[in-house]
């Protein structure tokens, strides 16, 4: 388990956004300068200034969570699968943030190729995944497993600096309240992210809600209650939605793992003259 902020992690390379002319890369220092400049020129005194931060794969790395779930699953099911390949135990213990991509089966396949030829690795993952999928889907969003998540290096200090500039941090996540609020609050407190009356932590009220539907509805409410200057998220389709729902905000893409879903064929029009700012690290 990692007890330190994550410096090295897998960054997806196959997504339309990464090839878009509407994406401008920026360092964390330059982004903080933009945030400070925006704060100083803000003319809306009627609403509190806010920045929206996603959690999973934006502030927190979830690789340690996946690793702990995988180790526990293998330990609890080894007697059910007498013929389980011993490489699974080695794979689980060697899994680190640099190996995790968005697709769990793809992550397992890339790791399994360390121990077996490609065809055999593919076959082993195909056999293993159906049983693990059901276990993973339930365990991944339980509070007890979220508490092991380490932050990305520099993210805690980054959020603190925005608070010093007068911003309210809004932690907006697709985790659901019933299963995940306790673990979410625990992880935020453990790593000393800013909390208190000036911050807001928003989770889905119903686990069955789709993340996009949830965030889209919340975005409309936040746009009416806050002067949202920046939105930071790792999911391109969320960012495209925020660009429309919160037209006054700057859109920031945190480059970690992401779904390959893409529902923004006319991104340039959605951005209304803005560029998506790309951030590779909170610590550069």
Foldseek 3Di string as FASTA:
>chain_A
DDPAADAAAAFDDDAPVNVDPLEAEDELVVVLVVLLVCLVPDPDPPFFEAEEFEPDQTFWDCQQLVLVLQLVVCVVCCVVCVPQDPVSNVLSVPGDRHQDAPDPLVSQLVSCVVPDPNVVSNVNSVVPPVVSVVSCVVSSLALVSLLVIHTHPQSQVSQVSSVVSRYAYEHEYAREDVGHPVSVVNNCVVVVRDDDPSYHYDYHPDNPDDSLVVLLVVLLVCLVRHLYAEYEDQEPQSQLSNCQNNVNYAYEHEGHHYDNDDDCPPSVVSNVPHGHYYYDGSPD
